[in-house]
Amino acid sequence: MSDAAAPLAILDEAAIAAAELRTDPYDFTFVEQALPPALKETVLADAPRIPDRGSYGLPDLRYGPSFGTIVQDLLSVRFRQLVEKKFDMDLSACPPAIVMMGNTTGHYNEGYAHPDSKHKIITILLGFTREWPYERGKLRVLRGNDRNDFAFEFAPEYGRMLMFRVCDHSWHGFLPQKGQRASLQLCYVDSEWYVRKEYLRHSISAYAKSVPLLRKVIDYAPRRLTGAG
């Protein structure tokens, strides 16, 4: 059976296919439950443990089998075709890159508004946080670079999925909030070169965060205001 014909092992294909494509302020879609509720405890037990803030590239993550199966689903041709149909576009020449966030510190420099890198074509977020009880810290689909002017909020809780088409006005961000923030990000990008660059960048950052003094510098360093990530 080809990869395109094989059904997704864990991701809820029907829920993803049925999710409405919204166009204001840019193309995005939200899936309330892209993962089976019955597998929540198993999946969260297998998810990576990320003690520090920021994102880590897939090659630097350690995880168990059920989380690994979800990663395989996300990297499959069948999932890519779901995304292509949703956004009416061909992503066959766009390789995927996966990073995962573990925590946020609540520092002023987190969650700044940005439209995403011009190298990204589609961004997909999938929540793995047990719960998000906070009013702040939800990712906001923004109408511009003002984090208080938003059209939609996405809490990074288990199974919730947000996808959006990257463009010059695909602004998003969140208000700083300290807490566990387990959220996987898959991006279809414009080249294998960019995938390698992103993984190397996150690998260097992961090493720096393992050194206490460097971690403090990173925690309080100013963030780029535009064109990030």
Protein backbone atom coordinates (compact mmCIF):
# COMPACT_ATOMS: atom_id res chain seq x y z
CA MET A 1 0.00 0.00 0.00
CA SER A 2 1.44 3.38 -0.98
CA ASP A 3 1.98 6.14 1.57
CA ALA A 4 -0.78 8.21 -0.03
CA ALA A 5 -3.26 5.31 0.18
CA ALA A 6 -2.41 4.24 3.73
CA PRO A 7 -4.83 5.69 6.30
CA LEU A 8 -3.49 7.95 9.02
CA ALA A 9 -2.71 5.89 12.10
CA ILE A 10 -3.72 8.36 14.84
CA LEU A 11 -4.65 11.76 13.39
CA ASP A 12 -8.40 12.16 12.78
CA GLU A 13 -8.52 12.52 9.02
CA ALA A 14 -12.29 13.15 8.91
CA ALA A 15 -12.10 15.99 11.45
CA ILE A 16 -9.22 17.62 9.60
CA ALA A 17 -10.95 17.32 6.23
CA ALA A 18 -14.21 18.75 7.62
CA ALA A 19 -12.67 21.82 9.27
CA GLU A 20 -13.80 25.09 7.70
CA LEU A 21 -11.27 27.24 5.87
CA ARG A 22 -11.58 30.81 7.14
CA THR A 23 -10.27 33.74 5.13
CA ASP A 24 -10.38 36.69 7.56
CA PRO A 25 -7.80 38.13 8.15
CA TYR A 26 -5.94 35.44 6.14
CA ASP A 27 -6.48 31.78 5.24
CA PHE A 28 -6.58 29.56 8.33
CA THR A 29 -8.45 26.58 9.71
CA PHE A 30 -8.98 25.19 13.21
CA VAL A 31 -9.59 21.57 14.18
CA GLU A 32 -11.09 21.20 17.65
CA GLN A 33 -9.90 17.61 18.08
CA ALA A 34 -7.38 16.24 15.59
CA LEU A 35 -6.26 13.49 18.00
CA PRO A 36 -8.43 10.82 19.67
CA PRO A 37 -9.42 11.83 23.23
CA ALA A 38 -9.11 8.19 24.29
CA LEU A 39 -5.36 8.27 23.55
CA LYS A 40 -4.65 11.45 25.48
CA GLU A 41 -2.83 9.89 28.44
CA THR A 42 -0.84 7.48 26.24
CA VAL A 43 0.22 10.21 23.82
CA LEU A 44 1.14 12.72 26.53
CA ALA A 45 3.19 10.07 28.33
CA ASP A 46 5.14 9.53 25.09
CA ALA A 47 5.54 13.22 24.20
CA PRO A 48 8.96 14.89 24.50
CA ARG A 49 9.94 16.39 27.84
CA ILE A 50 11.18 19.92 27.15
CA PRO A 51 12.31 21.69 30.35
CA ASP A 52 13.31 25.02 28.81
CA ARG A 53 11.60 27.74 26.83
CA GLY A 54 11.75 28.02 23.07
CA SER A 55 11.50 25.44 20.32
CA TYR A 56 13.52 22.29 19.59
CA GLY A 57 13.96 20.68 16.17
CA LEU A 58 12.69 17.17 15.48
CA PRO A 59 16.23 15.66 15.35
CA ASP A 60 16.82 16.85 18.95
CA LEU A 61 13.55 15.49 20.37
CA ARG A 62 13.24 12.23 22.32
CA TYR A 63 9.82 10.61 22.49
CA GLY A 64 7.86 7.37 22.77
CA PRO A 65 6.05 5.27 20.16
CA SER A 66 2.60 6.86 20.12
CA PHE A 67 4.05 10.36 19.68
CA GLY A 68 6.34 8.92 17.01
CA THR A 69 3.32 7.56 15.16
CA ILE A 70 1.77 11.03 15.15
CA VAL A 71 5.00 12.44 13.71
CA GLN A 72 4.85 9.79 10.97
CA ASP A 73 1.25 10.80 10.24
CA LEU A 74 2.27 14.45 9.97
CA LEU A 75 5.15 13.65 7.62
CA SER A 76 3.05 11.38 5.39
CA VAL A 77 1.95 12.10 1.84
CA ARG A 78 -1.65 11.47 2.90
CA PHE A 79 -1.56 14.26 5.49
CA ARG A 80 0.14 16.60 3.02
CA GLN A 81 -2.66 15.92 0.55
CA LEU A 82 -5.23 16.83 3.20
CA VAL A 83 -3.48 20.17 3.64
CA GLU A 84 -3.20 20.68 -0.12
CA LYS A 85 -6.93 20.12 -0.54
CA LYS A 86 -7.73 22.46 2.34
CA PHE A 87 -5.71 25.33 0.90
CA ASP A 88 -6.13 24.42 -2.79
CA MET A 89 -2.41 24.30 -3.52
CA ASP A 90 0.38 21.91 -4.47
CA LEU A 91 2.91 21.26 -1.70
CA SER A 92 4.72 18.34 -3.36
CA ALA A 93 7.89 20.43 -3.79
CA CYS A 94 7.73 21.82 -0.24
CA PRO A 95 9.58 19.72 2.36
CA PRO A 96 8.27 19.62 5.95
CA ALA A 97 10.14 20.76 9.04
CA ILE A 98 8.99 20.04 12.60
CA VAL A 99 9.89 21.87 15.80
CA MET A 100 8.31 21.68 19.24
CA MET A 101 7.91 24.16 22.07
CA GLY A 102 7.86 23.00 25.68
CA ASN A 103 7.44 26.00 27.97
CA THR A 104 7.03 29.73 28.13
CA THR A 105 8.54 31.88 30.89
CA GLY A 106 6.14 34.81 30.76
CA HIS A 107 8.98 37.20 29.94
CA TYR A 108 8.14 40.36 27.99
CA ASN A 109 9.97 39.16 24.86
CA GLU A 110 7.82 36.09 24.20
CA GLY A 111 4.87 35.90 21.85
CA TYR A 112 5.76 38.99 19.81
CA ALA A 113 3.65 39.51 16.67
CA HIS A 114 5.15 38.27 13.39
CA PRO A 115 3.88 36.96 10.03
CA ASP A 116 6.37 34.00 9.76
CA SER A 117 9.40 33.63 7.53
CA LYS A 118 8.98 34.13 3.78
CA HIS A 119 10.47 30.62 3.40
CA LYS A 120 7.41 29.04 5.03
CA ILE A 121 4.40 28.17 2.89
CA ILE A 122 1.97 26.60 5.38
CA THR A 123 2.30 26.53 9.17
CA ILE A 124 0.52 23.88 11.25
CA LEU A 125 0.31 23.84 15.05
CA LEU A 126 -0.78 20.83 17.08
CA GLY A 127 -1.28 21.08 20.84
CA PHE A 128 0.13 18.60 23.35
CA THR A 129 -0.51 20.55 26.56
CA ARG A 130 -2.68 18.73 29.09
CA GLU A 131 -4.64 21.93 29.70
CA TRP A 132 -4.26 25.68 29.24
CA PRO A 133 -6.21 27.38 32.06
CA TYR A 134 -4.85 30.87 31.38
CA GLU A 135 -6.53 33.76 29.64
CA ARG A 136 -3.18 34.95 28.32
CA GLY A 137 -0.80 32.92 26.20
CA LYS A 138 -3.25 31.63 23.59
CA LEU A 139 -1.90 32.02 20.08
CA ARG A 140 -3.80 34.81 18.34
CA VAL A 141 -4.62 35.09 14.65
CA LEU A 142 -3.93 38.81 14.30
CA ARG A 143 -5.21 41.47 11.92
CA GLY A 144 -1.86 43.27 12.10
CA ASN A 145 1.10 43.65 14.42
CA ASP A 146 -1.07 44.59 17.43
CA ARG A 147 -1.45 41.51 19.67
CA ASN A 148 -4.71 42.89 21.05
CA ASP A 149 -6.39 43.04 17.61
CA PHE A 150 -7.19 39.42 16.87
CA ALA A 151 -9.73 37.33 14.97
CA PHE A 152 -9.18 33.98 16.70
CA GLU A 153 -7.39 32.43 19.67
CA PHE A 154 -5.78 29.00 19.79
CA ALA A 155 -5.08 27.30 23.11
CA PRO A 156 -2.23 24.76 22.70
CA GLU A 157 -4.16 21.94 24.35
CA TYR A 158 -3.98 18.26 23.43
CA GLY A 159 -5.40 17.52 19.99
CA ARG A 160 -6.20 21.06 18.91
CA MET A 161 -4.81 21.97 15.50
CA LEU A 162 -4.39 25.31 13.74
CA MET A 163 -3.22 25.67 10.14
CA PHE A 164 -2.61 28.85 8.19
CA ARG A 165 -1.24 29.98 4.86
CA VAL A 166 1.87 32.12 5.33
CA CYS A 167 1.77 35.50 3.61
CA ASP A 168 2.97 39.03 4.25
CA HIS A 169 0.02 39.66 6.60
CA SER A 170 -0.30 36.29 8.38
CA TRP A 171 0.40 38.00 11.71
CA HIS A 172 0.16 35.91 14.87
CA GLY A 173 1.47 36.05 18.42
CA PHE A 174 0.42 35.71 22.05
CA LEU A 175 0.51 37.67 25.28
CA PRO A 176 3.31 36.43 27.56
CA GLN A 177 2.22 33.76 30.04
CA LYS A 178 4.36 31.44 32.13
CA GLY A 179 3.45 27.79 31.85
CA GLN A 180 3.98 24.47 30.16
CA ARG A 181 3.28 25.03 26.47
CA ALA A 182 3.72 21.76 24.60
CA SER A 183 2.97 22.65 21.00
CA LEU A 184 4.31 21.02 17.85
CA GLN A 185 4.83 23.12 14.73
CA LEU A 186 5.04 21.62 11.26
CA CYS A 187 5.89 23.93 8.37
CA TYR A 188 5.98 23.19 4.68
CA VAL A 189 8.89 25.27 3.44
CA ASP A 190 10.46 26.25 0.14
CA SER A 191 13.65 24.15 0.22
CA GLU A 192 15.61 21.37 1.91
CA TRP A 193 18.26 24.02 2.56
CA TYR A 194 15.83 25.87 4.82
CA VAL A 195 14.94 22.64 6.68
CA ARG A 196 18.63 22.00 7.40
CA LYS A 197 19.15 25.63 8.44
CA GLU A 198 16.20 25.52 10.86
CA TYR A 199 17.28 22.27 12.45
CA LEU A 200 20.85 23.52 12.86
CA ARG A 201 19.64 26.81 14.36
CA HIS A 202 17.41 25.03 16.87
CA SER A 203 20.14 22.53 17.70
CA ILE A 204 22.58 25.33 18.52
CA SER A 205 19.89 27.07 20.58
CA ALA A 206 19.16 23.81 22.46
CA TYR A 207 22.83 23.48 23.37
CA ALA A 208 23.00 27.11 24.51
CA LYS A 209 19.95 26.61 26.73
CA SER A 210 21.71 23.68 28.42
CA VAL A 211 24.38 26.11 29.71
CA PRO A 212 22.94 28.08 32.69
CA LEU A 213 24.64 31.41 31.94
CA LEU A 214 23.77 31.28 28.25
CA ARG A 215 20.20 30.29 29.10
CA LYS A 216 19.79 33.48 31.15
CA VAL A 217 21.08 35.58 28.25
CA ILE A 218 18.63 33.88 25.86
CA ASP A 219 15.70 34.32 28.26
CA TYR A 220 16.07 38.09 28.31
CA ALA A 221 17.47 38.77 24.85
CA PRO A 222 15.34 41.03 22.64
CA ARG A 223 13.30 39.16 20.06
CA ARG A 224 13.07 40.05 16.36
CA LEU A 225 9.97 42.08 15.68
CA THR A 226 9.23 41.08 12.11
CA GLY A 227 9.91 38.26 9.72
CA ALA A 228 10.69 35.81 12.48
CA GLY A 229 10.63 32.09 12.48
